[in-house]
Amino acid sequence: MSDTNYITAIVKILELPKTKIIKDKISVTKFRAQLPQIRKTQVIEIFIWGNLANDMAKYYSKNDYILVEGYLSLRKLSQPNSNRKFLKHPRFTVLKVYPFLFSVNHSNSRL
């Protein structure tokens, strides 16, 4: 079982997106990304399907920031040799991707 929520987030791509072709000629792109947070950064797996998967692998690379919309699920994985019964594993299935560009102004002027 898993809990699922629709979210929008800005993420940093941590590794080169890898595309696979699965049965019925459907593309899926998978990569790890980081959710920027103040207290604790969270690394999640991102999955993108279909034509969007091909575009993702073609136009984006490591260290790019993107705005993504989709379903975040927390899957429970069993841990047989641990004190915890289950480990929550975040997984993000993306429906929309937008480039996120920002600039940093390094001026020494005060407002």
PDB file of N, CA and C in Angstrom:
ATOM      1  N   MET A   1       0.837  -1.179   0.000  1.00  0.00           N
ATOM      2  CA  MET A   1       0.000   0.000   0.000  1.00  0.00           C
ATOM      3  C   MET A   1       0.878   1.237   0.000  1.00  0.00           C
ATOM      4  N   SER A   2       0.319   2.321  -0.495  1.00  0.00           N
ATOM      5  CA  SER A   2       1.057   3.577  -0.471  1.00  0.00           C
ATOM      6  C   SER A   2       0.075   4.729  -0.372  1.00  0.00           C
ATOM      7  N   ASP A   3       0.555   5.819   0.191  1.00  0.00           N
ATOM      8  CA  ASP A   3      -0.215   7.056   0.248  1.00  0.00           C
ATOM      9  C   ASP A   3       0.228   7.917  -0.917  1.00  0.00           C
ATOM     10  N   THR A   4      -0.709   8.604  -1.568  1.00  0.00           N
ATOM     11  CA  THR A   4      -0.394   9.384  -2.750  1.00  0.00           C
ATOM     12  C   THR A   4      -0.956  10.790  -2.626  1.00  0.00           C
ATOM     13  N   ASN A   5      -0.163  11.776  -3.050  1.00  0.00           N
ATOM     14  CA  ASN A   5      -0.575  13.177  -3.045  1.00  0.00           C
ATOM     15  C   ASN A   5      -0.123  13.842  -4.330  1.00  0.00           C
ATOM     16  N   TYR A   6      -0.950  14.738  -4.873  1.00  0.00           N
ATOM     17  CA  TYR A   6      -0.579  15.520  -6.045  1.00  0.00           C
ATOM     18  C   TYR A   6       0.150  16.757  -5.559  1.00  0.00           C
ATOM     19  N   ILE A   7       1.381  16.970  -6.045  1.00  0.00           N
ATOM     20  CA  ILE A   7       2.158  18.119  -5.590  1.00  0.00           C
ATOM     21  C   ILE A   7       2.861  18.801  -6.761  1.00  0.00           C
ATOM     22  N   THR A   8       3.304  20.023  -6.514  1.00  0.00           N
ATOM     23  CA  THR A   8       4.171  20.779  -7.410  1.00  0.00           C
ATOM     24  C   THR A   8       5.410  21.137  -6.615  1.00  0.00           C
ATOM     25  N   ALA A   9       6.595  20.925  -7.208  1.00  0.00           N
ATOM     26  CA  ALA A   9       7.826  21.176  -6.472  1.00  0.00           C
ATOM     27  C   ALA A   9       8.944  21.575  -7.431  1.00  0.00           C
ATOM     28  N   ILE A  10       9.913  22.287  -6.891  1.00  0.00           N
ATOM     29  CA  ILE A  10      11.137  22.589  -7.614  1.00  0.00           C
ATOM     30  C   ILE A  10      12.178  21.588  -7.120  1.00  0.00           C
ATOM     31  N   VAL A  11      12.820  20.894  -8.046  1.00  0.00           N
ATOM     32  CA  VAL A  11      13.813  19.895  -7.677  1.00  0.00           C
ATOM     33  C   VAL A  11      15.107  20.120  -8.447  1.00  0.00           C
ATOM     34  N   LYS A  12      16.193  19.638  -7.863  1.00  0.00           N
ATOM     35  CA  LYS A  12      17.501  19.677  -8.512  1.00  0.00           C
ATOM     36  C   LYS A  12      17.826  18.260  -8.972  1.00  0.00           C
ATOM     37  N   ILE A  13      18.180  18.104 -10.246  1.00  0.00           N
ATOM     38  CA  ILE A  13      18.508  16.798 -10.801  1.00  0.00           C
ATOM     39  C   ILE A  13      19.899  16.394 -10.303  1.00  0.00           C
ATOM     40  N   LEU A  14      19.997  15.235  -9.667  1.00  0.00           N
ATOM     41  CA  LEU A  14      21.254  14.784  -9.086  1.00  0.00           C
ATOM     42  C   LEU A  14      22.062  13.860  -9.995  1.00  0.00           C
ATOM     43  N   GLU A  15      21.409  13.262 -10.965  1.00  0.00           N
ATOM     44  CA  GLU A  15      22.111  12.354 -11.878  1.00  0.00           C
ATOM     45  C   GLU A  15      21.511  12.468 -13.270  1.00  0.00           C
ATOM     46  N   LEU A  16      22.250  12.034 -14.250  1.00  0.00           N
ATOM     47  CA  LEU A  16      21.799  12.094 -15.627  1.00  0.00           C
ATOM     48  C   LEU A  16      20.543  11.237 -15.795  1.00  0.00           C
ATOM     49  N   PRO A  17      19.442  11.809 -16.308  1.00  0.00           N
ATOM     50  CA  PRO A  17      18.211  11.024 -16.511  1.00  0.00           C
ATOM     51  C   PRO A  17      18.455   9.870 -17.493  1.00  0.00           C
ATOM     52  N   LYS A  18      18.009   8.668 -17.117  1.00  0.00           N
ATOM     53  CA  LYS A  18      18.192   7.471 -17.939  1.00  0.00           C
ATOM     54  C   LYS A  18      16.842   7.001 -18.447  1.00  0.00           C
ATOM     55  N   THR A  19      16.779   6.760 -19.759  1.00  0.00           N
ATOM     56  CA  THR A  19      15.525   6.337 -20.381  1.00  0.00           C
ATOM     57  C   THR A  19      15.597   4.860 -20.754  1.00  0.00           C
ATOM     58  N   LYS A  20      14.497   4.147 -20.488  1.00  0.00           N
ATOM     59  CA  LYS A  20      14.348   2.742 -20.875  1.00  0.00           C
ATOM     60  C   LYS A  20      13.079   2.612 -21.698  1.00  0.00           C
ATOM     61  N   ILE A  21      13.081   1.666 -22.598  1.00  0.00           N
ATOM     62  CA  ILE A  21      11.886   1.326 -23.364  1.00  0.00           C
ATOM     63  C   ILE A  21      11.338   0.033 -22.760  1.00  0.00           C
ATOM     64  N   ILE A  22      10.086   0.078 -22.302  1.00  0.00           N
ATOM     65  CA  ILE A  22       9.472  -1.120 -21.742  1.00  0.00           C
ATOM     66  C   ILE A  22       8.457  -1.666 -22.740  1.00  0.00           C
ATOM     67  N   LYS A  23       7.756  -2.714 -22.362  1.00  0.00           N
ATOM     68  CA  LYS A  23       6.833  -3.368 -23.294  1.00  0.00           C
ATOM     69  C   LYS A  23       5.856  -2.370 -23.905  1.00  0.00           C
ATOM     70  N   ASP A  24       5.404  -2.684 -25.099  1.00  0.00           N
ATOM     71  CA  ASP A  24       4.505  -1.839 -25.890  1.00  0.00           C
ATOM     72  C   ASP A  24       5.158  -0.524 -26.289  1.00  0.00           C
ATOM     73  N   LYS A  25       6.503  -0.482 -26.329  1.00  0.00           N
ATOM     74  CA  LYS A  25       7.274   0.683 -26.792  1.00  0.00           C
ATOM     75  C   LYS A  25       6.988   1.949 -25.992  1.00  0.00           C
ATOM     76  N   ILE A  26       6.829   1.821 -24.694  1.00  0.00           N
ATOM     77  CA  ILE A  26       6.595   2.967 -23.817  1.00  0.00           C
ATOM     78  C   ILE A  26       7.913   3.363 -23.168  1.00  0.00           C
ATOM     79  N   SER A  27       8.240   4.655 -23.246  1.00  0.00           N
ATOM     80  CA  SER A  27       9.477   5.158 -22.648  1.00  0.00           C
ATOM     81  C   SER A  27       9.241   5.526 -21.191  1.00  0.00           C
ATOM     82  N   VAL A  28      10.235   5.249 -20.364  1.00  0.00           N
ATOM     83  CA  VAL A  28      10.202   5.694 -18.972  1.00  0.00           C
ATOM     84  C   VAL A  28      11.591   6.231 -18.630  1.00  0.00           C
ATOM     85  N   THR A  29      11.621   7.416 -18.063  1.00  0.00           N
ATOM     86  CA  THR A  29      12.874   8.031 -17.631  1.00  0.00           C
ATOM     87  C   THR A  29      12.893   8.054 -16.113  1.00  0.00           C
ATOM     88  N   LYS A  30      14.034   7.667 -15.554  1.00  0.00           N
ATOM     89  CA  LYS A  30      14.173   7.578 -14.103  1.00  0.00           C
ATOM     90  C   LYS A  30      15.448   8.303 -13.684  1.00  0.00           C
ATOM     91  N   PHE A  31      15.359   9.062 -12.582  1.00  0.00           N
ATOM     92  CA  PHE A  31      16.550   9.708 -12.021  1.00  0.00           C
ATOM     93  C   PHE A  31      16.270  10.119 -10.587  1.00  0.00           C
ATOM     94  N   ARG A  32      17.341  10.422  -9.856  1.00  0.00           N
ATOM     95  CA  ARG A  32      17.204  10.904  -8.490  1.00  0.00           C
ATOM     96  C   ARG A  32      17.257  12.432  -8.509  1.00  0.00           C
ATOM     97  N   ALA A  33      16.469  13.040  -7.638  1.00  0.00           N
ATOM     98  CA  ALA A  33      16.435  14.497  -7.530  1.00  0.00           C
ATOM     99  C   ALA A  33      16.358  14.891  -6.063  1.00  0.00           C
ATOM    100  N   GLN A  34      16.712  16.132  -5.801  1.00  0.00           N
ATOM    101  CA  GLN A  34      16.741  16.644  -4.433  1.00  0.00           C
ATOM    102  C   GLN A  34      15.672  17.718  -4.266  1.00  0.00           C
ATOM    103  N   LEU A  35      14.879  17.576  -3.210  1.00  0.00           N
ATOM    104  CA  LEU A  35      13.921  18.607  -2.820  1.00  0.00           C
ATOM    105  C   LEU A  35      14.642  19.554  -1.871  1.00  0.00           C
ATOM    106  N   PRO A  36      14.804  20.817  -2.237  1.00  0.00           N
ATOM    107  CA  PRO A  36      15.500  21.735  -1.338  1.00  0.00           C
ATOM    108  C   PRO A  36      14.624  22.078  -0.130  1.00  0.00           C
ATOM    109  N   GLN A  37      15.167  21.868   1.050  1.00  0.00           N
ATOM    110  CA  GLN A  37      14.471  22.171   2.285  1.00  0.00           C
ATOM    111  C   GLN A  37      15.443  22.852   3.227  1.00  0.00           C
ATOM    112  N   ILE A  38      14.914  23.577   4.187  1.00  0.00           N
ATOM    113  CA  ILE A  38      15.760  24.294   5.125  1.00  0.00           C
ATOM    114  C   ILE A  38      16.415  23.343   6.119  1.00  0.00           C
ATOM    115  N   ARG A  39      15.654  22.498   6.731  1.00  0.00           N
ATOM    116  CA  ARG A  39      16.187  21.634   7.793  1.00  0.00           C
ATOM    117  C   ARG A  39      16.913  20.404   7.272  1.00  0.00           C
ATOM    118  N   LYS A  40      16.277  19.697   6.365  1.00  0.00           N
ATOM    119  CA  LYS A  40      16.822  18.421   5.925  1.00  0.00           C
ATOM    120  C   LYS A  40      16.492  18.232   4.454  1.00  0.00           C
ATOM    121  N   THR A  41      17.510  17.998   3.636  1.00  0.00           N
ATOM    122  CA  THR A  41      17.234  17.774   2.223  1.00  0.00           C
ATOM    123  C   THR A  41      16.723  16.348   2.025  1.00  0.00           C
ATOM    124  N   GLN A  42      15.854  16.202   1.070  1.00  0.00           N
ATOM    125  CA  GLN A  42      15.232  14.911   0.791  1.00  0.00           C
ATOM    126  C   GLN A  42      15.543  14.518  -0.649  1.00  0.00           C
ATOM    127  N   VAL A  43      16.049  13.319  -0.845  1.00  0.00           N
ATOM    128  CA  VAL A  43      16.318  12.794  -2.177  1.00  0.00           C
ATOM    129  C   VAL A  43      15.184  11.844  -2.532  1.00  0.00           C
ATOM    130  N   ILE A  44      14.639  12.036  -3.747  1.00  0.00           N
ATOM    131  CA  ILE A  44      13.526  11.204  -4.193  1.00  0.00           C
ATOM    132  C   ILE A  44      13.841  10.631  -5.568  1.00  0.00           C
ATOM    133  N   GLU A  45      13.166   9.533  -5.901  1.00  0.00           N
ATOM    134  CA  GLU A  45      13.249   8.969  -7.246  1.00  0.00           C
ATOM    135  C   GLU A  45      12.135   9.579  -8.080  1.00  0.00           C
ATOM    136  N   ILE A  46      12.468   9.979  -9.286  1.00  0.00           N
ATOM    137  CA  ILE A  46      11.481  10.576 -10.177  1.00  0.00           C
ATOM    138  C   ILE A  46      11.301   9.667 -11.388  1.00  0.00           C
ATOM    139  N   PHE A  47      10.036   9.427 -11.739  1.00  0.00           N
ATOM    140  CA  PHE A  47       9.686   8.620 -12.896  1.00  0.00           C
ATOM    141  C   PHE A  47       8.845   9.461 -13.841  1.00  0.00           C
ATOM    142  N   ILE A  48       9.199   9.443 -15.134  1.00  0.00           N
ATOM    143  CA  ILE A  48       8.454  10.176 -16.158  1.00  0.00           C
ATOM    144  C   ILE A  48       8.178   9.201 -17.301  1.00  0.00           C
ATOM    145  N   TRP A  49       6.932   9.211 -17.787  1.00  0.00           N
ATOM    146  CA  TRP A  49       6.485   8.237 -18.777  1.00  0.00           C
ATOM    147  C   TRP A  49       6.172   8.886 -20.125  1.00  0.00           C
ATOM    148  N   GLY A  50       6.242   8.080 -21.195  1.00  0.00           N
ATOM    149  CA  GLY A  50       5.786   8.468 -22.527  1.00  0.00           C
ATOM    150  C   GLY A  50       6.678   9.481 -23.226  1.00  0.00           C
ATOM    151  N   ASN A  51       6.062  10.345 -24.027  1.00  0.00           N
ATOM    152  CA  ASN A  51       6.811  11.344 -24.792  1.00  0.00           C
ATOM    153  C   ASN A  51       7.539  12.321 -23.893  1.00  0.00           C
ATOM    154  N   LEU A  52       6.954  12.620 -22.746  1.00  0.00           N
ATOM    155  CA  LEU A  52       7.601  13.526 -21.794  1.00  0.00           C
ATOM    156  C   LEU A  52       8.921  12.929 -21.296  1.00  0.00           C
ATOM    157  N   ALA A  53       8.995  11.607 -21.199  1.00  0.00           N
ATOM    158  CA  ALA A  53      10.230  10.928 -20.780  1.00  0.00           C
ATOM    159  C   ALA A  53      11.346  11.167 -21.794  1.00  0.00           C
ATOM    160  N   ASN A  54      11.004  11.099 -23.080  1.00  0.00           N
ATOM    161  CA  ASN A  54      12.005  11.358 -24.127  1.00  0.00           C
ATOM    162  C   ASN A  54      12.482  12.804 -24.091  1.00  0.00           C
ATOM    163  N   ASP A  55      11.558  13.737 -23.909  1.00  0.00           N
ATOM    164  CA  ASP A  55      11.921  15.153 -23.830  1.00  0.00           C
ATOM    165  C   ASP A  55      12.794  15.436 -22.612  1.00  0.00           C
ATOM    166  N   MET A  56      12.491  14.789 -21.507  1.00  0.00           N
ATOM    167  CA  MET A  56      13.262  14.976 -20.277  1.00  0.00           C
ATOM    168  C   MET A  56      14.716  14.577 -20.493  1.00  0.00           C
ATOM    169  N   ALA A  57      14.938  13.421 -21.091  1.00  0.00           N
ATOM    170  CA  ALA A  57      16.297  12.940 -21.329  1.00  0.00           C
ATOM    171  C   ALA A  57      17.023  13.798 -22.367  1.00  0.00           C
ATOM    172  N   LYS A  58      16.282  14.385 -23.278  1.00  0.00           N
ATOM    173  CA  LYS A  58      16.884  15.174 -24.355  1.00  0.00           C
ATOM    174  C   LYS A  58      17.295  16.577 -23.902  1.00  0.00           C
ATOM    175  N   TYR A  59      16.476  17.232 -23.078  1.00  0.00           N
ATOM    176  CA  TYR A  59      16.679  18.645 -22.771  1.00  0.00           C
ATOM    177  C   TYR A  59      17.276  18.943 -21.393  1.00  0.00           C
ATOM    178  N   TYR A  60      17.262  18.011 -20.474  1.00  0.00           N
ATOM    179  CA  TYR A  60      17.732  18.289 -19.113  1.00  0.00           C
ATOM    180  C   TYR A  60      18.896  17.386 -18.743  1.00  0.00           C
ATOM    181  N   SER A  61      19.743  17.888 -17.847  1.00  0.00           N
ATOM    182  CA  SER A  61      20.900  17.112 -17.403  1.00  0.00           C
ATOM    183  C   SER A  61      21.152  17.331 -15.921  1.00  0.00           C
ATOM    184  N   LYS A  62      22.230  16.753 -15.438  1.00  0.00           N
ATOM    185  CA  LYS A  62      22.593  16.833 -14.026  1.00  0.00           C
ATOM    186  C   LYS A  62      22.769  18.289 -13.597  1.00  0.00           C
ATOM    187  N   ASN A  63      22.334  18.604 -12.381  1.00  0.00           N
ATOM    188  CA  ASN A  63      22.412  19.926 -11.732  1.00  0.00           C
ATOM    189  C   ASN A  63      21.429  20.962 -12.285  1.00  0.00           C
ATOM    190  N   ASP A  64      20.534  20.578 -13.185  1.00  0.00           N
ATOM    191  CA  ASP A  64      19.475  21.481 -13.635  1.00  0.00           C
ATOM    192  C   ASP A  64      18.372  21.521 -12.586  1.00  0.00           C
ATOM    193  N   TYR A  65      17.703  22.655 -12.499  1.00  0.00           N
ATOM    194  CA  TYR A  65      16.524  22.782 -11.653  1.00  0.00           C
ATOM    195  C   TYR A  65      15.295  22.745 -12.537  1.00  0.00           C
ATOM    196  N   ILE A  66      14.280  22.009 -12.102  1.00  0.00           N
ATOM    197  CA  ILE A  66      13.032  21.921 -12.858  1.00  0.00           C
ATOM    198  C   ILE A  66      11.851  22.043 -11.906  1.00  0.00           C
ATOM    199  N   LEU A  67      10.754  22.532 -12.451  1.00  0.00           N
ATOM    200  CA  LEU A  67       9.490  22.579 -11.726  1.00  0.00           C
ATOM    201  C   LEU A  67       8.677  21.392 -12.219  1.00  0.00           C
ATOM    202  N   VAL A  68       8.257  20.541 -11.295  1.00  0.00           N
ATOM    203  CA  VAL A  68       7.543  19.323 -11.673  1.00  0.00           C
ATOM    204  C   VAL A  68       6.186  19.261 -10.980  1.00  0.00           C
ATOM    205  N   GLU A  69       5.229  18.674 -11.673  1.00  0.00           N
ATOM    206  CA  GLU A  69       3.901  18.411 -11.119  1.00  0.00           C
ATOM    207  C   GLU A  69       3.620  16.933 -11.282  1.00  0.00           C
ATOM    208  N   GLY A  70       3.064  16.340 -10.246  1.00  0.00           N
ATOM    209  CA  GLY A  70       2.743  14.930 -10.344  1.00  0.00           C
ATOM    210  C   GLY A  70       2.348  14.352  -9.007  1.00  0.00           C
ATOM    211  N   TYR A  71       2.428  13.020  -8.932  1.00  0.00           N
ATOM    212  CA  TYR A  71       2.000  12.304  -7.741  1.00  0.00           C
ATOM    213  C   TYR A  71       3.202  11.829  -6.942  1.00  0.00           C
ATOM    214  N   LEU A  72       3.221  12.210  -5.676  1.00  0.00           N
ATOM    215  CA  LEU A  72       4.244  11.754  -4.744  1.00  0.00           C
ATOM    216  C   LEU A  72       3.644  10.626  -3.932  1.00  0.00           C
ATOM    217  N   SER A  73       4.323   9.500  -3.924  1.00  0.00           N
ATOM    218  CA  SER A  73       3.842   8.372  -3.128  1.00  0.00           C
ATOM    219  C   SER A  73       4.931   7.926  -2.176  1.00  0.00           C
ATOM    220  N   LEU A  74       4.515   7.460  -1.026  1.00  0.00           N
ATOM    221  CA  LEU A  74       5.427   6.905  -0.034  1.00  0.00           C
ATOM    222  C   LEU A  74       5.184   5.405   0.011  1.00  0.00           C
ATOM    223  N   ARG A  75       6.095   4.669  -0.531  1.00  0.00           N
ATOM    224  CA  ARG A  75       5.970   3.218  -0.560  1.00  0.00           C
ATOM    225  C   ARG A  75       6.624   2.644   0.681  1.00  0.00           C
ATOM    226  N   LYS A  76       5.993   1.651   1.240  1.00  0.00           N
ATOM    227  CA  LYS A  76       6.538   0.996   2.422  1.00  0.00           C
ATOM    228  C   LYS A  76       7.321  -0.236   1.993  1.00  0.00           C
ATOM    229  N   LEU A  77       8.609  -0.221   2.280  1.00  0.00           N
ATOM    230  CA  LEU A  77       9.473  -1.348   1.969  1.00  0.00           C
ATOM    231  C   LEU A  77       9.827  -2.065   3.262  1.00  0.00           C
ATOM    232  N   SER A  78       9.722  -3.368   3.269  1.00  0.00           N
ATOM    233  CA  SER A  78      10.026  -4.113   4.491  1.00  0.00           C
ATOM    234  C   SER A  78      11.532  -4.197   4.691  1.00  0.00           C
ATOM    235  N   GLN A  79      11.945  -4.147   5.954  1.00  0.00           N
ATOM    236  CA  GLN A  79      13.340  -4.236   6.359  1.00  0.00           C
ATOM    237  C   GLN A  79      13.493  -5.448   7.271  1.00  0.00           C
ATOM    238  N   PRO A  80      13.899  -6.586   6.739  1.00  0.00           N
ATOM    239  CA  PRO A  80      13.951  -7.798   7.571  1.00  0.00           C
ATOM    240  C   PRO A  80      15.023  -7.760   8.664  1.00  0.00           C
ATOM    241  N   ASN A  81      16.154  -7.125   8.438  1.00  0.00           N
ATOM    242  CA  ASN A  81      17.253  -7.118   9.410  1.00  0.00           C
ATOM    243  C   ASN A  81      17.365  -5.782  10.142  1.00  0.00           C
ATOM    244  N   SER A  82      16.250  -5.156  10.415  1.00  0.00           N
ATOM    245  CA  SER A  82      16.259  -3.850  11.060  1.00  0.00           C
ATOM    246  C   SER A  82      15.264  -3.824  12.215  1.00  0.00           C
ATOM    247  N   ASN A  83      15.430  -2.830  13.104  1.00  0.00           N
ATOM    248  CA  ASN A  83      14.483  -2.655  14.203  1.00  0.00           C
ATOM    249  C   ASN A  83      13.137  -2.160  13.694  1.00  0.00           C
ATOM    250  N   ARG A  84      13.160  -1.407  12.599  1.00  0.00           N
ATOM    251  CA  ARG A  84      11.920  -0.925  11.993  1.00  0.00           C
ATOM    252  C   ARG A  84      11.328  -2.005  11.100  1.00  0.00           C
ATOM    253  N   LYS A  85      10.003  -2.098  11.097  1.00  0.00           N
ATOM    254  CA  LYS A  85       9.356  -3.063  10.217  1.00  0.00           C
ATOM    255  C   LYS A  85       9.363  -2.580   8.771  1.00  0.00           C
ATOM    256  N   PHE A  86       9.074  -1.278   8.588  1.00  0.00           N
ATOM    257  CA  PHE A  86       8.970  -0.729   7.249  1.00  0.00           C
ATOM    258  C   PHE A  86       9.824   0.524   7.113  1.00  0.00           C
ATOM    259  N   LEU A  87      10.326   0.742   5.901  1.00  0.00           N
ATOM    260  CA  LEU A  87      11.057   1.945   5.555  1.00  0.00           C
ATOM    261  C   LEU A  87      10.237   2.672   4.497  1.00  0.00           C
ATOM    262  N   LYS A  88       9.955   3.953   4.710  1.00  0.00           N
ATOM    263  CA  LYS A  88       9.186   4.720   3.730  1.00  0.00           C
ATOM    264  C   LYS A  88      10.115   5.210   2.632  1.00  0.00           C
ATOM    265  N   HIS A  89       9.729   4.944   1.399  1.00  0.00           N
ATOM    266  CA  HIS A  89      10.546   5.270   0.235  1.00  0.00           C
ATOM    267  C   HIS A  89       9.756   6.218  -0.672  1.00  0.00           C
ATOM    268  N   PRO A  90      10.155   7.504  -0.771  1.00  0.00           N
ATOM    269  CA  PRO A  90       9.398   8.444  -1.614  1.00  0.00           C
ATOM    270  C   PRO A  90       9.650   8.194  -3.097  1.00  0.00           C
ATOM    271  N   ARG A  91       8.578   8.304  -3.890  1.00  0.00           N
ATOM    272  CA  ARG A  91       8.643   8.113  -5.335  1.00  0.00           C
ATOM    273  C   ARG A  91       7.724   9.142  -5.982  1.00  0.00           C
ATOM    274  N   PHE A  92       8.232   9.851  -6.988  1.00  0.00           N
ATOM    275  CA  PHE A  92       7.496  10.932  -7.635  1.00  0.00           C
ATOM    276  C   PHE A  92       7.239  10.544  -9.086  1.00  0.00           C
ATOM    277  N   THR A  93       5.963  10.398  -9.451  1.00  0.00           N
ATOM    278  CA  THR A  93       5.576  10.136 -10.832  1.00  0.00           C
ATOM    279  C   THR A  93       5.124  11.453 -11.431  1.00  0.00           C
ATOM    280  N   VAL A  94       5.880  11.957 -12.414  1.00  0.00           N
ATOM    281  CA  VAL A  94       5.699  13.307 -12.944  1.00  0.00           C
ATOM    282  C   VAL A  94       4.750  13.306 -14.134  1.00  0.00           C
ATOM    283  N   LEU A  95       3.855  14.310 -14.142  1.00  0.00           N
ATOM    284  CA  LEU A  95       2.936  14.505 -15.261  1.00  0.00           C
ATOM    285  C   LEU A  95       3.299  15.718 -16.111  1.00  0.00           C
ATOM    286  N   LYS A  96       3.915  16.737 -15.485  1.00  0.00           N
ATOM    287  CA  LYS A  96       4.311  17.966 -16.188  1.00  0.00           C
ATOM    288  C   LYS A  96       5.688  18.402 -15.709  1.00  0.00           C
ATOM    289  N   VAL A  97       6.501  18.912 -16.652  1.00  0.00           N
ATOM    290  CA  VAL A  97       7.846  19.404 -16.338  1.00  0.00           C
ATOM    291  C   VAL A  97       8.018  20.777 -16.963  1.00  0.00           C
ATOM    292  N   TYR A  98       8.575  21.706 -16.190  1.00  0.00           N
ATOM    293  CA  TYR A  98       8.867  23.060 -16.667  1.00  0.00           C
ATOM    294  C   TYR A  98      10.307  23.408 -16.307  1.00  0.00           C
ATOM    295  N   PRO A  99      11.041  24.092 -17.189  1.00  0.00           N
ATOM    296  CA  PRO A  99      12.385  24.533 -16.805  1.00  0.00           C
ATOM    297  C   PRO A  99      12.277  25.605 -15.729  1.00  0.00           C
ATOM    298  N   PHE A 100      13.197  25.606 -14.796  1.00  0.00           N
ATOM    299  CA  PHE A 100      13.218  26.606 -13.736  1.00  0.00           C
ATOM    300  C   PHE A 100      14.551  27.325 -13.816  1.00  0.00           C
ATOM    301  N   LEU A 101      14.501  28.578 -14.243  1.00  0.00           N
ATOM    302  CA  LEU A 101      15.707  29.388 -14.390  1.00  0.00           C
ATOM    303  C   LEU A 101      15.670  30.505 -13.365  1.00  0.00           C
ATOM    304  N   PHE A 102      16.780  30.732 -12.731  1.00  0.00           N
ATOM    305  CA  PHE A 102      16.866  31.828 -11.781  1.00  0.00           C
ATOM    306  C   PHE A 102      18.228  32.472 -11.913  1.00  0.00           C
ATOM    307  N   SER A 103      18.312  33.713 -11.499  1.00  0.00           N
ATOM    308  CA  SER A 103      19.598  34.412 -11.527  1.00  0.00           C
ATOM    309  C   SER A 103      19.864  34.978 -10.142  1.00  0.00           C
ATOM    310  N   VAL A 104      21.127  35.039  -9.810  1.00  0.00           N
ATOM    311  CA  VAL A 104      21.539  35.556  -8.513  1.00  0.00           C
ATOM    312  C   VAL A 104      22.255  36.870  -8.758  1.00  0.00           C
ATOM    313  N   ASN A 105      21.819  37.912  -8.067  1.00  0.00           N
ATOM    314  CA  ASN A 105      22.428  39.219  -8.200  1.00  0.00           C
ATOM    315  C   ASN A 105      23.442  39.383  -7.077  1.00  0.00           C
ATOM    316  N   HIS A 106      24.703  39.535  -7.422  1.00  0.00           N
ATOM    317  CA  HIS A 106      25.771  39.627  -6.423  1.00  0.00           C
ATOM    318  C   HIS A 106      26.220  41.075  -6.221  1.00  0.00           C
ATOM    319  N   SER A 107      25.299  41.991  -6.233  1.00  0.00           N
ATOM    320  CA  SER A 107      25.702  43.391  -6.042  1.00  0.00           C
ATOM    321  C   SER A 107      25.873  43.683  -4.544  1.00  0.00           C
ATOM    322  N   ASN A 108      26.722  44.632  -4.248  1.00  0.00           N
ATOM    323  CA  ASN A 108      26.985  45.007  -2.875  1.00  0.00           C
ATOM    324  C   ASN A 108      26.150  46.196  -2.418  1.00  0.00           C
ATOM    325  N   SER A 109      25.207  46.595  -3.213  1.00  0.00           N
ATOM    326  CA  SER A 109      24.394  47.757  -2.852  1.00  0.00           C
ATOM    327  C   SER A 109      23.341  47.381  -1.831  1.00  0.00           C
ATOM    328  N   ARG A 110      22.990  48.343  -1.003  1.00  0.00           N
ATOM    329  CA  ARG A 110      21.948  48.134   0.004  1.00  0.00           C
ATOM    330  C   ARG A 110      20.674  48.850  -0.418  1.00  0.00           C
ATOM    331  N   LEU A 111      19.572  48.309   0.002  1.00  0.00           N
ATOM    332  CA  LEU A 111      18.281  48.924  -0.318  1.00  0.00           C
ATOM    333  C   LEU A 111      17.939  49.994   0.664  1.00  0.00           C
TER     334      LEU A 111
END
